[in-house]
Amino acid sequence: MNTQHFHKSEFACKCGCGFDSINPTLVYLLECIRIKFGTPITINSGCRCKERNAAVKGKLNSQHLKGNAADIVVKNVEPKLVADYLNELSGNNIGLHAYNTFTHCDCRGYKSRW
């Protein structure tokens, strides 16, 4: 799924296996973030195959395995501000956590915070 600010290849598994089936709802959320803050977003991790997920010590049931998650950096915006905006935008339907250097968001269909 390509949009004005994102190309499907940005979400592909970093191991090169080709897994890039990203949830369109997640891409929509990222577009909203891009428009709100008016600055580029780097996708540190999008889709992950089982091998890549194990290599990065991801959870066994990670939303990245389903193409539902992205770890992002919004240029010049603190991760907490990104998380606060996402919480306002779609708080009851997403998984969300602001780490020190990036924000995790996912479209799991229910609220989850850690």
C-alpha atoms as a PDB file:
ATOM      1  CA  MET A   1       0.000   0.000   0.000  1.00  0.00           C
ATOM      2  CA  ASN A   2       1.552   3.281  -1.107  1.00  0.00           C
ATOM      3  CA  THR A   3       0.393   6.675   0.124  1.00  0.00           C
ATOM      4  CA  GLN A   4       1.504  10.266  -0.310  1.00  0.00           C
ATOM      5  CA  HIS A   5       4.263   9.886   2.296  1.00  0.00           C
ATOM      6  CA  PHE A   6       4.935   6.146   2.494  1.00  0.00           C
ATOM      7  CA  HIS A   7       5.927   3.350   0.166  1.00  0.00           C
ATOM      8  CA  LYS A   8       5.159  -0.287   0.929  1.00  0.00           C
ATOM      9  CA  SER A   9       8.877  -1.114   0.790  1.00  0.00           C
ATOM     10  CA  GLU A  10       9.474   1.009   3.929  1.00  0.00           C
ATOM     11  CA  PHE A  11       7.480  -1.548   5.937  1.00  0.00           C
ATOM     12  CA  ALA A  12       9.254  -4.649   4.577  1.00  0.00           C
ATOM     13  CA  CYS A  13      11.041  -7.026   6.923  1.00  0.00           C
ATOM     14  CA  LYS A  14      14.638  -5.876   7.386  1.00  0.00           C
ATOM     15  CA  CYS A  15      16.031  -9.383   6.756  1.00  0.00           C
ATOM     16  CA  GLY A  16      15.191  -9.117   3.055  1.00  0.00           C
ATOM     17  CA  CYS A  17      12.724 -12.037   3.016  1.00  0.00           C
ATOM     18  CA  GLY A  18      10.114  -9.898   1.243  1.00  0.00           C
ATOM     19  CA  PHE A  19       7.404  -9.898   3.927  1.00  0.00           C
ATOM     20  CA  ASP A  20       5.693  -6.529   3.483  1.00  0.00           C
ATOM     21  CA  SER A  21       1.973  -7.152   4.070  1.00  0.00           C
ATOM     22  CA  ILE A  22       1.249  -4.080   6.168  1.00  0.00           C
ATOM     23  CA  ASN A  23      -2.151  -3.266   7.653  1.00  0.00           C
ATOM     24  CA  PRO A  24      -3.711  -0.309   5.765  1.00  0.00           C
ATOM     25  CA  THR A  25      -5.112   1.053   9.042  1.00  0.00           C
ATOM     26  CA  LEU A  26      -1.574   1.369  10.399  1.00  0.00           C
ATOM     27  CA  VAL A  27      -0.473   3.239   7.284  1.00  0.00           C
ATOM     28  CA  TYR A  28      -3.444   5.577   7.708  1.00  0.00           C
ATOM     29  CA  LEU A  29      -2.371   6.301  11.317  1.00  0.00           C
ATOM     30  CA  LEU A  30       1.158   7.074  10.161  1.00  0.00           C
ATOM     31  CA  GLU A  31      -0.198   9.408   7.475  1.00  0.00           C
ATOM     32  CA  CYS A  32      -2.152  11.217  10.200  1.00  0.00           C
ATOM     33  CA  ILE A  33       1.031  11.584  12.256  1.00  0.00           C
ATOM     34  CA  ARG A  34       2.959  12.851   9.220  1.00  0.00           C
ATOM     35  CA  ILE A  35       0.307  15.457   8.475  1.00  0.00           C
ATOM     36  CA  LYS A  36      -0.124  16.512  12.130  1.00  0.00           C
ATOM     37  CA  PHE A  37       3.582  17.121  12.764  1.00  0.00           C
ATOM     38  CA  GLY A  38       4.549  18.060   9.202  1.00  0.00           C
ATOM     39  CA  THR A  39       7.859  16.252   9.361  1.00  0.00           C
ATOM     40  CA  PRO A  40       9.275  12.973   7.976  1.00  0.00           C
ATOM     41  CA  ILE A  41       8.804   9.644   9.737  1.00  0.00           C
ATOM     42  CA  THR A  42      11.410   6.889   9.763  1.00  0.00           C
ATOM     43  CA  ILE A  43      10.122   3.349  10.125  1.00  0.00           C
ATOM     44  CA  ASN A  44      12.684   1.492  12.215  1.00  0.00           C
ATOM     45  CA  SER A  45      10.725  -1.742  12.147  1.00  0.00           C
ATOM     46  CA  GLY A  46       7.531  -2.664  10.344  1.00  0.00           C
ATOM     47  CA  CYS A  47       6.798  -6.205   9.224  1.00  0.00           C
ATOM     48  CA  ARG A  48       8.915  -8.973  10.727  1.00  0.00           C
ATOM     49  CA  CYS A  49       9.184 -12.611   9.743  1.00  0.00           C
ATOM     50  CA  LYS A  50       9.582 -15.142  12.563  1.00  0.00           C
ATOM     51  CA  GLU A  51      13.343 -15.302  12.095  1.00  0.00           C
ATOM     52  CA  ARG A  52      13.798 -11.530  12.208  1.00  0.00           C
ATOM     53  CA  ASN A  53      11.477 -11.237  15.192  1.00  0.00           C
ATOM     54  CA  ALA A  54      13.541 -13.840  17.067  1.00  0.00           C
ATOM     55  CA  ALA A  55      16.778 -12.086  16.095  1.00  0.00           C
ATOM     56  CA  VAL A  56      15.586  -8.785  17.604  1.00  0.00           C
ATOM     57  CA  LYS A  57      14.142 -10.597  20.637  1.00  0.00           C
ATOM     58  CA  GLY A  58      10.572  -9.642  19.767  1.00  0.00           C
ATOM     59  CA  LYS A  59       7.615 -11.179  21.576  1.00  0.00           C
ATOM     60  CA  LEU A  60       6.350 -14.494  20.222  1.00  0.00           C
ATOM     61  CA  ASN A  61       2.953 -12.940  19.442  1.00  0.00           C
ATOM     62  CA  SER A  62       4.329  -9.592  18.231  1.00  0.00           C
ATOM     63  CA  GLN A  63       2.014  -7.469  16.113  1.00  0.00           C
ATOM     64  CA  HIS A  64       5.007  -6.970  13.781  1.00  0.00           C
ATOM     65  CA  LEU A  65       4.562 -10.636  12.732  1.00  0.00           C
ATOM     66  CA  LYS A  66       1.047  -9.815  11.517  1.00  0.00           C
ATOM     67  CA  GLY A  67       1.963  -6.611   9.669  1.00  0.00           C
ATOM     68  CA  ASN A  68       0.053  -4.617  12.284  1.00  0.00           C
ATOM     69  CA  ALA A  69       2.914  -2.708  13.928  1.00  0.00           C
ATOM     70  CA  ALA A  70       5.592  -0.117  13.330  1.00  0.00           C
ATOM     71  CA  ASP A  71       8.361   1.351  15.450  1.00  0.00           C
ATOM     72  CA  ILE A  72       8.771   4.912  14.244  1.00  0.00           C
ATOM     73  CA  VAL A  73      10.833   8.041  14.721  1.00  0.00           C
ATOM     74  CA  VAL A  74       9.175  11.335  13.888  1.00  0.00           C
ATOM     75  CA  LYS A  75      11.881  13.838  13.043  1.00  0.00           C
ATOM     76  CA  ASN A  76      12.319  16.470  15.784  1.00  0.00           C
ATOM     77  CA  VAL A  77       9.309  15.205  17.762  1.00  0.00           C
ATOM     78  CA  GLU A  78       9.605  13.471  21.128  1.00  0.00           C
ATOM     79  CA  PRO A  79       8.199   9.913  21.182  1.00  0.00           C
ATOM     80  CA  LYS A  80       5.850  10.836  24.045  1.00  0.00           C
ATOM     81  CA  LEU A  81       4.251  13.593  21.952  1.00  0.00           C
ATOM     82  CA  VAL A  82       3.692  11.117  19.135  1.00  0.00           C
ATOM     83  CA  ALA A  83       2.166   8.605  21.572  1.00  0.00           C
ATOM     84  CA  ASP A  84      -0.067  11.271  23.115  1.00  0.00           C
ATOM     85  CA  TYR A  85      -1.372  12.226  19.678  1.00  0.00           C
ATOM     86  CA  LEU A  86      -2.009   8.597  18.713  1.00  0.00           C
ATOM     87  CA  ASN A  87      -3.778   8.013  22.008  1.00  0.00           C
ATOM     88  CA  GLU A  88      -6.138  10.902  21.248  1.00  0.00           C
ATOM     89  CA  LEU A  89      -6.609   9.787  17.647  1.00  0.00           C
ATOM     90  CA  SER A  90      -7.342   6.106  18.184  1.00  0.00           C
ATOM     91  CA  GLY A  91      -6.707   5.259  21.832  1.00  0.00           C
ATOM     92  CA  ASN A  92      -9.082   2.339  22.308  1.00  0.00           C
ATOM     93  CA  ASN A  93      -8.043   0.376  19.232  1.00  0.00           C
ATOM     94  CA  ILE A  94      -4.251   0.429  19.284  1.00  0.00           C
ATOM     95  CA  GLY A  95      -1.197  -0.817  21.091  1.00  0.00           C
ATOM     96  CA  LEU A  96       1.093   2.041  21.997  1.00  0.00           C
ATOM     97  CA  HIS A  97       4.333   2.741  23.826  1.00  0.00           C
ATOM     98  CA  ALA A  98       6.748   5.665  23.811  1.00  0.00           C
ATOM     99  CA  TYR A  99      10.312   4.435  24.227  1.00  0.00           C
ATOM    100  CA  ASN A 100      13.226   6.831  24.735  1.00  0.00           C
ATOM    101  CA  THR A 101      14.084   7.093  21.040  1.00  0.00           C
ATOM    102  CA  PHE A 102      11.027   5.817  19.141  1.00  0.00           C
ATOM    103  CA  THR A 103       7.301   5.152  19.357  1.00  0.00           C
ATOM    104  CA  HIS A 104       5.679   1.751  18.886  1.00  0.00           C
ATOM    105  CA  CYS A 105       2.167   1.738  17.481  1.00  0.00           C
ATOM    106  CA  ASP A 106       0.046  -1.129  16.284  1.00  0.00           C
ATOM    107  CA  CYS A 107      -3.469  -1.870  15.069  1.00  0.00           C
ATOM    108  CA  ARG A 108      -4.331  -4.814  17.292  1.00  0.00           C
ATOM    109  CA  GLY A 109      -7.989  -3.803  17.591  1.00  0.00           C
ATOM    110  CA  TYR A 110      -7.971  -3.180  21.332  1.00  0.00           C
ATOM    111  CA  LYS A 111      -6.190  -0.886  23.765  1.00  0.00           C
ATOM    112  CA  SER A 112      -2.795  -2.001  25.057  1.00  0.00           C
ATOM    113  CA  ARG A 113      -0.106  -0.011  26.848  1.00  0.00           C
ATOM    114  CA  TRP A 114       3.149  -1.048  28.490  1.00  0.00           C
END
